[in-house]
Protein backbone atom coordinates (compact mmCIF):
# COMPACT_ATOMS: atom_id res chain seq x y z
CA UNK A 1 -25.37 -5.96 -26.50
CA UNK A 2 -25.39 -7.00 -22.85
CA UNK A 3 -23.07 -5.01 -20.62
CA UNK A 4 -20.42 -6.80 -18.57
CA UNK A 5 -20.16 -6.41 -14.80
CA UNK A 6 -17.39 -7.33 -12.43
CA UNK A 7 -16.08 -6.92 -8.89
CA UNK A 8 -12.59 -5.52 -8.32
CA UNK A 9 -11.00 -6.52 -5.02
CA UNK A 10 -8.45 -3.77 -4.41
CA UNK A 11 -5.41 -4.88 -2.44
CA UNK A 12 -1.67 -4.51 -2.07
CA UNK A 13 0.74 -5.98 0.46
CA UNK A 14 2.55 -2.72 1.17
CA UNK A 15 -0.33 -1.09 3.05
CA UNK A 16 0.97 1.80 5.13
CA UNK A 17 -0.74 1.26 8.49
CA UNK A 18 -0.46 -2.53 8.75
CA UNK A 19 1.90 -4.06 6.22
CA UNK A 20 0.89 -7.35 4.60
CA UNK A 21 -2.46 -7.24 6.37
CA UNK A 22 -4.02 -9.06 3.41
CA UNK A 23 -2.12 -12.18 4.51
CA UNK A 24 -3.20 -11.96 8.16
CA UNK A 25 -5.03 -15.10 9.27
CA UNK A 26 -8.53 -14.30 10.53
CA UNK A 27 -9.55 -17.93 10.96
CA UNK A 28 -7.41 -21.01 11.54
CA UNK A 29 -7.23 -21.56 7.78
CA UNK A 30 -8.11 -18.36 5.93
CA UNK A 31 -6.44 -14.98 5.60
CA UNK A 32 -8.12 -11.63 5.06
CA UNK A 33 -7.81 -11.64 1.25
CA UNK A 34 -9.22 -15.16 0.91
CA UNK A 35 -12.27 -14.19 2.94
CA UNK A 36 -12.88 -11.01 0.91
CA UNK A 37 -12.58 -12.96 -2.36
CA UNK A 38 -15.02 -15.62 -1.20
CA UNK A 39 -17.57 -13.02 -0.12
CA UNK A 40 -17.12 -11.18 -3.43
CA UNK A 41 -17.97 -14.38 -5.30
CA UNK A 42 -21.45 -14.20 -3.73
CA UNK A 43 -22.12 -11.15 -5.91
CA UNK A 44 -22.63 -13.46 -8.86
CA UNK A 45 -20.28 -11.65 -11.26
CA UNK A 46 -16.62 -12.17 -12.27
CA UNK A 47 -14.19 -11.30 -9.48
CA UNK A 48 -10.79 -9.75 -10.23
CA UNK A 49 -8.10 -9.07 -7.66
CA UNK A 50 -6.66 -5.66 -8.60
CA UNK A 51 -3.12 -5.40 -7.28
CA UNK A 52 0.24 -4.09 -8.46
CA UNK A 53 3.21 -5.32 -10.47
CA UNK A 54 5.48 -4.70 -7.49
CA UNK A 55 7.27 -7.90 -6.33
CA UNK A 56 5.77 -7.38 -2.86
CA UNK A 57 2.42 -8.37 -4.39
CA UNK A 58 3.57 -11.68 -5.90
CA UNK A 59 1.93 -13.48 -2.98
CA UNK A 60 -1.39 -11.82 -3.82
CA UNK A 61 -1.24 -13.28 -7.33
CA UNK A 62 -0.67 -16.75 -5.86
CA UNK A 63 -3.66 -16.35 -3.53
CA UNK A 64 -5.90 -15.19 -6.38
CA UNK A 65 -4.87 -18.22 -8.43
CA UNK A 66 -5.54 -20.52 -5.47
CA UNK A 67 -9.02 -18.99 -5.06
CA UNK A 68 -9.64 -19.41 -8.82
CA UNK A 69 -10.18 -15.74 -9.65
CA UNK A 70 -8.44 -13.44 -12.12
CA UNK A 71 -5.69 -11.08 -11.01
CA UNK A 72 -4.90 -7.80 -12.71
CA UNK A 73 -1.54 -6.22 -11.89
CA UNK A 74 -1.09 -2.51 -12.53
CA UNK A 75 0.63 0.50 -10.97
CA UNK A 76 1.51 0.31 -7.28
CA UNK A 77 0.42 3.64 -5.83
CA UNK A 78 -2.39 5.00 -8.01
CA UNK A 79 -5.34 2.67 -7.53
CA UNK A 80 -7.66 4.84 -9.66
CA UNK A 81 -5.38 4.32 -12.66
CA UNK A 82 -5.14 0.64 -11.78
CA UNK A 83 -8.94 0.36 -11.74
CA UNK A 84 -9.30 2.12 -15.09
CA UNK A 85 -6.74 -0.15 -16.71
CA UNK A 86 -8.35 -3.20 -15.14
CA UNK A 87 -11.79 -2.19 -16.46
CA UNK A 88 -10.27 -1.88 -19.93
CA UNK A 89 -8.34 -5.15 -19.71
CA UNK A 90 -11.36 -7.14 -18.46
CA UNK A 91 -13.90 -5.41 -20.69
CA UNK A 92 -16.09 -4.34 -17.75
CA UNK A 93 -18.80 -1.77 -18.40
CA UNK A 94 -19.56 -1.39 -14.70
CA UNK A 95 -18.35 -2.92 -11.50
CA UNK A 96 -18.09 -2.85 -7.74
CA UNK A 97 -14.95 -1.63 -5.99
CA UNK A 98 -14.47 -3.97 -3.06
CA UNK A 99 -11.88 -2.94 -0.47
CA UNK A 100 -9.50 -5.76 0.29
CA UNK A 101 -9.52 -4.77 3.96
CA UNK A 102 -13.30 -5.16 4.51
CA UNK A 103 -13.84 -8.84 5.41
CA UNK A 104 -17.53 -8.37 6.24
CA UNK A 105 -18.64 -6.21 3.30
CA UNK A 106 -22.23 -7.19 2.62
CA UNK A 107 -22.77 -8.95 -0.70
CA UNK A 108 -26.53 -8.34 -0.47
CA UNK A 109 -25.96 -4.58 -0.45
CA UNK A 110 -23.43 -5.09 -3.23
CA UNK A 111 -25.93 -6.92 -5.41
CA UNK A 112 -28.38 -4.04 -5.08
CA UNK A 113 -25.66 -1.58 -6.03
CA UNK A 114 -24.73 -3.64 -9.07
CA UNK A 115 -28.36 -3.77 -10.14
CA UNK A 116 -28.56 0.03 -10.07
CA UNK A 117 -25.51 0.24 -12.32
CA UNK A 118 -26.70 -2.45 -14.72
CA UNK A 119 -30.08 -0.81 -15.16
CA UNK A 120 -28.44 2.58 -15.69
CA UNK A 121 -30.87 4.11 -13.22
CA UNK A 122 -30.69 7.92 -13.38
CA UNK A 123 -27.75 7.68 -15.79
CA UNK A 124 -25.60 7.20 -12.71
CA UNK A 125 -21.83 6.94 -12.96
CA UNK A 126 -21.17 5.96 -9.37
CA UNK A 127 -23.26 4.17 -6.75
CA UNK A 128 -22.85 4.92 -3.06
CA UNK A 129 -24.51 3.47 0.02
CA UNK A 130 -27.15 5.40 1.92
CA UNK A 131 -25.58 7.09 4.97
CA UNK A 132 -27.93 4.92 7.03
CA UNK A 133 -26.28 1.69 5.86
CA UNK A 134 -23.76 0.46 8.41
CA UNK A 135 -20.14 1.46 7.55
CA UNK A 136 -18.14 -1.42 6.13
CA UNK A 137 -21.03 -3.01 4.21
CA UNK A 138 -20.28 -1.31 0.87
CA UNK A 139 -17.59 0.77 -0.84
CA UNK A 140 -18.53 2.00 -4.34
CA UNK A 141 -19.96 0.85 -7.64
CA UNK A 142 -18.88 2.65 -10.79
CA UNK A 143 -19.26 2.64 -14.57
CA UNK A 144 -16.38 2.55 -17.02
CA UNK A 145 -17.21 6.14 -17.98
CA UNK A 146 -17.07 7.16 -14.34
CA UNK A 147 -13.75 5.45 -13.69
CA UNK A 148 -12.27 7.05 -16.81
CA UNK A 149 -13.31 10.50 -15.55
CA UNK A 150 -11.48 9.80 -12.29
CA UNK A 151 -8.43 8.55 -14.17
CA UNK A 152 -8.19 11.79 -16.12
CA UNK A 153 -7.81 13.61 -12.79
CA UNK A 154 -5.29 11.07 -11.52
CA UNK A 155 -3.21 10.31 -14.59
CA UNK A 156 0.18 10.16 -12.87
CA UNK A 157 1.17 6.60 -11.80
CA UNK A 158 2.77 7.86 -8.57
CA UNK A 159 -0.22 9.94 -7.45
CA UNK A 160 -1.54 8.87 -4.04
CA UNK A 161 -5.23 8.02 -4.48
CA UNK A 162 -5.77 6.08 -1.28
CA UNK A 163 -8.98 8.01 -0.48
CA UNK A 164 -10.99 8.85 -3.61
CA UNK A 165 -13.72 11.09 -2.14
CA UNK A 166 -12.31 14.37 -3.44
CA UNK A 167 -11.51 12.87 -6.83
CA UNK A 168 -15.18 11.92 -7.22
CA UNK A 169 -16.32 15.37 -6.15
CA UNK A 170 -13.89 17.05 -8.55
CA UNK A 171 -14.98 14.79 -11.43
CA UNK A 172 -18.63 15.65 -10.79
CA UNK A 173 -19.79 12.06 -11.15
CA UNK A 174 -23.55 11.46 -11.31
CA UNK A 175 -24.42 9.53 -8.14
CA UNK A 176 -27.15 7.08 -7.22
CA UNK A 177 -27.71 5.86 -3.68
CA UNK A 178 -28.53 2.38 -2.41
CA UNK A 179 -31.50 2.70 -0.04
CA UNK A 180 -31.04 1.13 3.38
CA UNK A 181 -33.10 -1.82 4.56
CA UNK A 182 -34.22 -1.69 8.17
CA UNK A 183 -31.83 -4.46 9.25
CA UNK A 184 -28.86 -2.55 7.74
CA UNK A 185 -29.41 0.48 10.01
CA UNK A 186 -27.49 -0.46 13.14
CA UNK A 187 -26.58 2.35 15.59
CA UNK A 188 -23.66 0.68 17.34
CA UNK A 189 -19.94 1.37 17.76
CA UNK A 190 -18.51 -1.52 15.79
CA UNK A 191 -15.56 -1.04 13.42
CA UNK A 192 -15.73 -3.27 10.32
CA UNK A 193 -12.41 -2.91 8.52
CA UNK A 194 -8.78 -3.78 9.03
CA UNK A 195 -6.13 -1.09 9.38
CA UNK A 196 -4.58 -1.89 12.74
CA UNK A 197 -3.54 -4.90 14.78
CA UNK A 198 -6.57 -4.33 17.04
CA UNK A 199 -8.81 -4.82 13.99
CA UNK A 200 -7.17 -8.18 13.31
CA UNK A 201 -7.84 -9.23 16.90
CA UNK A 202 -11.46 -8.08 16.56
CA UNK A 203 -12.04 -10.32 13.54
CA UNK A 204 -10.22 -13.30 14.99
CA UNK A 205 -12.58 -13.16 17.96
CA UNK A 206 -15.60 -12.51 15.74
CA UNK A 207 -14.96 -15.46 13.42
CA UNK A 208 -14.77 -17.79 16.41
CA UNK A 209 -18.39 -16.86 17.08
CA UNK A 210 -19.85 -16.67 13.56
CA UNK A 211 -19.03 -17.99 10.11
CA UNK A 212 -16.89 -15.73 7.92
CA UNK A 213 -19.59 -15.80 5.22
CA UNK A 214 -22.34 -14.50 7.51
CA UNK A 215 -24.17 -11.44 6.08
CA UNK A 216 -23.22 -8.04 7.49
CA UNK A 217 -26.21 -7.29 9.75
CA UNK A 218 -26.00 -10.66 11.52
CA UNK A 219 -22.25 -10.20 11.91
CA UNK A 220 -22.74 -6.86 13.65
CA UNK A 221 -25.37 -8.38 15.94
CA UNK A 222 -22.86 -11.05 16.99
CA UNK A 223 -20.16 -8.45 17.64
CA UNK A 224 -22.50 -6.26 19.68
CA UNK A 225 -24.01 -9.06 21.75
CA UNK A 226 -20.51 -10.29 22.67
CA UNK A 227 -19.02 -6.85 23.41
CA UNK A 228 -16.33 -7.12 20.72
CA UNK A 229 -16.48 -3.42 19.82
CA UNK A 230 -14.25 -2.60 22.78
CA UNK A 231 -11.34 -4.38 21.06
CA UNK A 232 -10.83 -1.89 18.23
CA UNK A 233 -13.36 0.97 18.39
CA UNK A 234 -10.79 3.26 20.04
CA UNK A 235 -8.82 3.22 16.76
CA UNK A 236 -11.74 4.74 14.86
CA UNK A 237 -10.99 8.37 15.75
CA UNK A 238 -7.35 7.95 14.75
CA UNK A 239 -8.44 6.53 11.40
CA UNK A 240 -10.89 9.37 10.76
CA UNK A 241 -8.26 11.99 11.54
CA UNK A 242 -5.77 10.38 9.15
CA UNK A 243 -8.45 10.29 6.47
CA UNK A 244 -9.33 13.96 7.07
CA UNK A 245 -5.71 15.02 6.70
CA UNK A 246 -5.35 12.99 3.50
CA UNK A 247 -8.52 14.48 2.00
CA UNK A 248 -7.30 17.98 2.84
CA UNK A 249 -3.98 17.27 1.12
CA UNK A 250 -5.71 15.89 -2.00
CA UNK A 251 -8.19 18.78 -2.11
CA UNK A 252 -5.35 21.32 -2.04
CA UNK A 253 -3.42 19.40 -4.68
CA UNK A 254 -6.40 19.24 -7.05
CA UNK A 255 -7.11 22.93 -6.51
CA UNK A 256 -3.50 23.81 -7.35
CA UNK A 257 -3.66 21.60 -10.44
CA UNK A 258 -6.80 23.35 -11.68
CA UNK A 259 -5.29 26.82 -11.19
CA UNK A 260 -2.01 25.90 -12.81
CA UNK A 261 0.00 26.30 -9.62
CA UNK A 262 3.05 24.04 -9.48
CA UNK A 263 4.83 22.93 -6.36
């Protein structure tokens, strides 16, 4: 029996750093979420917008319907649990986790990641990008078994799972890595995600110079050649520090859970 693949676009309107960023216009006509959905369609598999049942995400459902893709609505805070339930609901055996705040994720890299999952290469449960691949081109690919392992560690609906690195380490998922192509190794200070207003300005300027469907490497070349990195690169250190603090908090919480310590 052929296994079913899909792409989950993870998004909610109540993002902490920049609320309702998914609705921010990055071109004259298209918002962030519309662009991510359209790029995800290039993967060649069913696309599902994975959001929450919270009323604040009603607008996300309307956008998904307008873009002719499915929308799964689950718990608000715990995206790992939302993914697991979405996999079950849609009958996916493996899929890509596409961040709804990465408007230039590279669908070519994504296709290679999906192929690794579909072939079951090395009995992998999660696919990651080579460290050489430019940040922002790929998030994760995962099997249903892998996502269920994560969900067993994050079973509480209100658990904050915004950064899943430590959950994957704790679950001991078998990893496979997507090798980098030469054109995907780009040593430049360009920030390809949206967390802050400066990131929105970066993309508005970028999409005046190149089409929003342009592959990742060519997009970076355009940003570099036009000096756009100066718009938002200074926010990168702040983002990394916030992520480090979150990972430290999660690591301590998982350690306490394993030892039976309650707080």
